[in-house]
Every structure is written in C-alpha cells, then in structure tokens.
Amino acid sequence: MTTARTDLSVRNQEILYDTVFLGLLEDSVRIMSTEELLDVLAT
C-alpha cells in the first residue's frame, strides 16, 4: 500500500506505513492509547 506512493521518499513511505500500522493496531485494541500501545510493544 505505502509503496504505491511513488511521490514519497522511501523514508516517508516507512513513516506512513508505521503510522497506518499503529492506527490499525490501536483500532483493534480500542482500549489503549497510542502511547500505551508503544509501551506494550517496547517490552
């Protein structure tokens, strides 16, 4: 999906992917904030 954005640099494609991934993960959990999810993923 993000690689289809040829107008973005590779780094910006990675940032977009990470943002979308975290958003989808947060939506699937629905009880945690992004900050809480990052804390869980960091452990």
PDB file of N, CA and C in Angstrom:
ATOM      1  N   MET A   1       0.826  -1.185   0.000  1.00  0.00           N
ATOM      2  CA  MET A   1       0.000   0.000   0.000  1.00  0.00           C
ATOM      3  C   MET A   1       0.872   1.252   0.000  1.00  0.00           C
ATOM      4  N   THR A   2       1.784   1.348   0.962  1.00  0.00           N
ATOM      5  CA  THR A   2       2.583   2.569   1.039  1.00  0.00           C
ATOM      6  C   THR A   2       3.600   2.655  -0.080  1.00  0.00           C
ATOM      7  N   THR A   3       4.031   1.521  -0.616  1.00  0.00           N
ATOM      8  CA  THR A   3       4.990   1.567  -1.721  1.00  0.00           C
ATOM      9  C   THR A   3       4.339   2.069  -2.998  1.00  0.00           C
ATOM     10  N   ALA A   4       3.022   2.112  -3.029  1.00  0.00           N
ATOM     11  CA  ALA A   4       2.316   2.664  -4.187  1.00  0.00           C
ATOM     12  C   ALA A   4       2.440   4.182  -4.230  1.00  0.00           C
ATOM     13  N   ARG A   5       2.864   4.777  -3.129  1.00  0.00           N
ATOM     14  CA  ARG A   5       3.037   6.232  -3.055  1.00  0.00           C
ATOM     15  C   ARG A   5       4.416   6.587  -3.597  1.00  0.00           C
ATOM     16  N   THR A   6       4.547   6.568  -4.906  1.00  0.00           N
ATOM     17  CA  THR A   6       5.841   6.851  -5.533  1.00  0.00           C
ATOM     18  C   THR A   6       6.254   8.305  -5.383  1.00  0.00           C
ATOM     19  N   ASP A   7       5.324   9.161  -4.957  1.00  0.00           N
ATOM     20  CA  ASP A   7       5.666  10.563  -4.728  1.00  0.00           C
ATOM     21  C   ASP A   7       6.387  10.769  -3.400  1.00  0.00           C
ATOM     22  N   LEU A   8       6.456   9.727  -2.571  1.00  0.00           N
ATOM     23  CA  LEU A   8       7.124   9.823  -1.278  1.00  0.00           C
ATOM     24  C   LEU A   8       8.485   9.149  -1.324  1.00  0.00           C
ATOM     25  N   SER A   9       9.405   9.673  -0.537  1.00  0.00           N
ATOM     26  CA  SER A   9      10.706   9.016  -0.410  1.00  0.00           C
ATOM     27  C   SER A   9      10.516   7.695   0.338  1.00  0.00           C
ATOM     28  N   VAL A  10      11.509   6.841   0.274  1.00  0.00           N
ATOM     29  CA  VAL A  10      11.431   5.556   0.972  1.00  0.00           C
ATOM     30  C   VAL A  10      11.214   5.790   2.466  1.00  0.00           C
ATOM     31  N   ARG A  11      11.923   6.746   3.030  1.00  0.00           N
ATOM     32  CA  ARG A  11      11.785   7.044   4.465  1.00  0.00           C
ATOM     33  C   ARG A  11      10.361   7.502   4.792  1.00  0.00           C
ATOM     34  N   ASN A  12       9.793   8.357   3.966  1.00  0.00           N
ATOM     35  CA  ASN A  12       8.420   8.817   4.206  1.00  0.00           C
ATOM     36  C   ASN A  12       7.412   7.694   4.005  1.00  0.00           C
ATOM     37  N   GLN A  13       7.695   6.759   3.089  1.00  0.00           N
ATOM     38  CA  GLN A  13       6.839   5.586   2.932  1.00  0.00           C
ATOM     39  C   GLN A  13       6.871   4.751   4.209  1.00  0.00           C
ATOM     40  N   GLU A  14       8.056   4.604   4.811  1.00  0.00           N
ATOM     41  CA  GLU A  14       8.181   3.845   6.057  1.00  0.00           C
ATOM     42  C   GLU A  14       7.425   4.528   7.193  1.00  0.00           C
ATOM     43  N   ILE A  15       7.524   5.846   7.264  1.00  0.00           N
ATOM     44  CA  ILE A  15       6.801   6.601   8.296  1.00  0.00           C
ATOM     45  C   ILE A  15       5.298   6.429   8.110  1.00  0.00           C
ATOM     46  N   LEU A  16       4.832   6.516   6.877  1.00  0.00           N
ATOM     47  CA  LEU A  16       3.413   6.330   6.587  1.00  0.00           C
ATOM     48  C   LEU A  16       2.969   4.927   6.981  1.00  0.00           C
ATOM     49  N   TYR A  17       3.765   3.911   6.630  1.00  0.00           N
ATOM     50  CA  TYR A  17       3.440   2.533   6.989  1.00  0.00           C
ATOM     51  C   TYR A  17       3.329   2.389   8.504  1.00  0.00           C
ATOM     52  N   ASP A  18       4.315   2.930   9.224  1.00  0.00           N
ATOM     53  CA  ASP A  18       4.298   2.833  10.684  1.00  0.00           C
ATOM     54  C   ASP A  18       3.067   3.510  11.269  1.00  0.00           C
ATOM     55  N   THR A  19       2.717   4.670  10.740  1.00  0.00           N
ATOM     56  CA  THR A  19       1.553   5.409  11.227  1.00  0.00           C
ATOM     57  C   THR A  19       0.270   4.621  10.986  1.00  0.00           C
ATOM     58  N   VAL A  20       0.135   4.061   9.793  1.00  0.00           N
ATOM     59  CA  VAL A  20      -1.052   3.268   9.464  1.00  0.00           C
ATOM     60  C   VAL A  20      -1.104   2.019  10.329  1.00  0.00           C
ATOM     61  N   PHE A  21       0.039   1.338  10.489  1.00  0.00           N
ATOM     62  CA  PHE A  21       0.095   0.119  11.294  1.00  0.00           C
ATOM     63  C   PHE A  21      -0.323   0.400  12.731  1.00  0.00           C
ATOM     64  N   LEU A  22       0.238   1.448  13.326  1.00  0.00           N
ATOM     65  CA  LEU A  22      -0.122   1.779  14.705  1.00  0.00           C
ATOM     66  C   LEU A  22      -1.590   2.174  14.824  1.00  0.00           C
ATOM     67  N   GLY A  23      -2.110   2.876  13.829  1.00  0.00           N
ATOM     68  CA  GLY A  23      -3.522   3.244  13.847  1.00  0.00           C
ATOM     69  C   GLY A  23      -4.425   2.023  13.789  1.00  0.00           C
ATOM     70  N   LEU A  24      -4.086   1.081  12.937  1.00  0.00           N
ATOM     71  CA  LEU A  24      -4.881  -0.146  12.840  1.00  0.00           C
ATOM     72  C   LEU A  24      -4.778  -0.974  14.112  1.00  0.00           C
ATOM     73  N   LEU A  25      -3.579  -1.032  14.676  1.00  0.00           N
ATOM     74  CA  LEU A  25      -3.385  -1.765  15.922  1.00  0.00           C
ATOM     75  C   LEU A  25      -4.192  -1.132  17.046  1.00  0.00           C
ATOM     76  N   GLU A  26      -4.167   0.185  17.123  1.00  0.00           N
ATOM     77  CA  GLU A  26      -4.938   0.882  18.151  1.00  0.00           C
ATOM     78  C   GLU A  26      -6.433   0.650  17.952  1.00  0.00           C
ATOM     79  N   ASP A  27      -6.893   0.689  16.715  1.00  0.00           N
ATOM     80  CA  ASP A  27      -8.313   0.443  16.445  1.00  0.00           C
ATOM     81  C   ASP A  27      -8.722  -0.960  16.861  1.00  0.00           C
ATOM     82  N   SER A  28      -7.832  -1.931  16.662  1.00  0.00           N
ATOM     83  CA  SER A  28      -8.186  -3.308  17.002  1.00  0.00           C
ATOM     84  C   SER A  28      -8.233  -3.514  18.508  1.00  0.00           C
ATOM     85  N   VAL A  29      -7.464  -2.765  19.237  1.00  0.00           N
ATOM     86  CA  VAL A  29      -7.461  -2.886  20.692  1.00  0.00           C
ATOM     87  C   VAL A  29      -8.555  -2.015  21.307  1.00  0.00           C
ATOM     88  N   ARG A  30      -8.677  -0.796  20.832  1.00  0.00           N
ATOM     89  CA  ARG A  30      -9.715   0.174  21.205  1.00  0.00           C
ATOM     90  C   ARG A  30      -9.729   0.602  22.663  1.00  0.00           C
ATOM     91  N   ILE A  31      -8.939  -0.012  23.504  1.00  0.00           N
ATOM     92  CA  ILE A  31      -8.946   0.401  24.907  1.00  0.00           C
ATOM     93  C   ILE A  31      -7.642   1.075  25.305  1.00  0.00           C
ATOM     94  N   MET A  32      -6.701   1.102  24.393  1.00  0.00           N
ATOM     95  CA  MET A  32      -5.404   1.686  24.696  1.00  0.00           C
ATOM     96  C   MET A  32      -5.153   2.903  23.820  1.00  0.00           C
ATOM     97  N   SER A  33      -4.421   3.835  24.359  1.00  0.00           N
ATOM     98  CA  SER A  33      -3.973   4.963  23.558  1.00  0.00           C
ATOM     99  C   SER A  33      -2.734   4.535  22.775  1.00  0.00           C
ATOM    100  N   THR A  34      -2.342   5.314  21.799  1.00  0.00           N
ATOM    101  CA  THR A  34      -1.137   5.018  21.029  1.00  0.00           C
ATOM    102  C   THR A  34       0.071   4.945  21.948  1.00  0.00           C
ATOM    103  N   GLU A  35       0.130   5.832  22.928  1.00  0.00           N
ATOM    104  CA  GLU A  35       1.253   5.837  23.869  1.00  0.00           C
ATOM    105  C   GLU A  35       1.313   4.529  24.656  1.00  0.00           C
ATOM    106  N   GLU A  36       0.163   4.039  25.105  1.00  0.00           N
ATOM    107  CA  GLU A  36       0.122   2.771  25.833  1.00  0.00           C
ATOM    108  C   GLU A  36       0.531   1.616  24.936  1.00  0.00           C
ATOM    109  N   LEU A  37       0.087   1.633  23.679  1.00  0.00           N
ATOM    110  CA  LEU A  37       0.475   0.582  22.748  1.00  0.00           C
ATOM    111  C   LEU A  37       1.978   0.566  22.531  1.00  0.00           C
ATOM    112  N   LEU A  38       2.575   1.737  22.384  1.00  0.00           N
ATOM    113  CA  LEU A  38       4.020   1.807  22.193  1.00  0.00           C
ATOM    114  C   LEU A  38       4.752   1.259  23.405  1.00  0.00           C
ATOM    115  N   ASP A  39       4.244   1.528  24.595  1.00  0.00           N
ATOM    116  CA  ASP A  39       4.849   0.982  25.806  1.00  0.00           C
ATOM    117  C   ASP A  39       4.782  -0.539  25.809  1.00  0.00           C
ATOM    118  N   VAL A  40       3.643  -1.087  25.419  1.00  0.00           N
ATOM    119  CA  VAL A  40       3.480  -2.542  25.371  1.00  0.00           C
ATOM    120  C   VAL A  40       4.402  -3.150  24.322  1.00  0.00           C
ATOM    121  N   LEU A  41       4.463  -2.527  23.151  1.00  0.00           N
ATOM    122  CA  LEU A  41       5.301  -3.057  22.079  1.00  0.00           C
ATOM    123  C   LEU A  41       6.785  -2.960  22.410  1.00  0.00           C
ATOM    124  N   ALA A  42       7.160  -2.002  23.232  1.00  0.00           N
ATOM    125  CA  ALA A  42       8.567  -1.813  23.588  1.00  0.00           C
ATOM    126  C   ALA A  42       9.058  -2.854  24.585  1.00  0.00           C
ATOM    127  N   THR A  43       8.142  -3.538  25.245  1.00  0.00           N
ATOM    128  CA  THR A  43       8.564  -4.522  26.248  1.00  0.00           C
ATOM    129  C   THR A  43       8.667  -5.899  25.674  1.00  0.00           C
TER     130      THR A  43
END
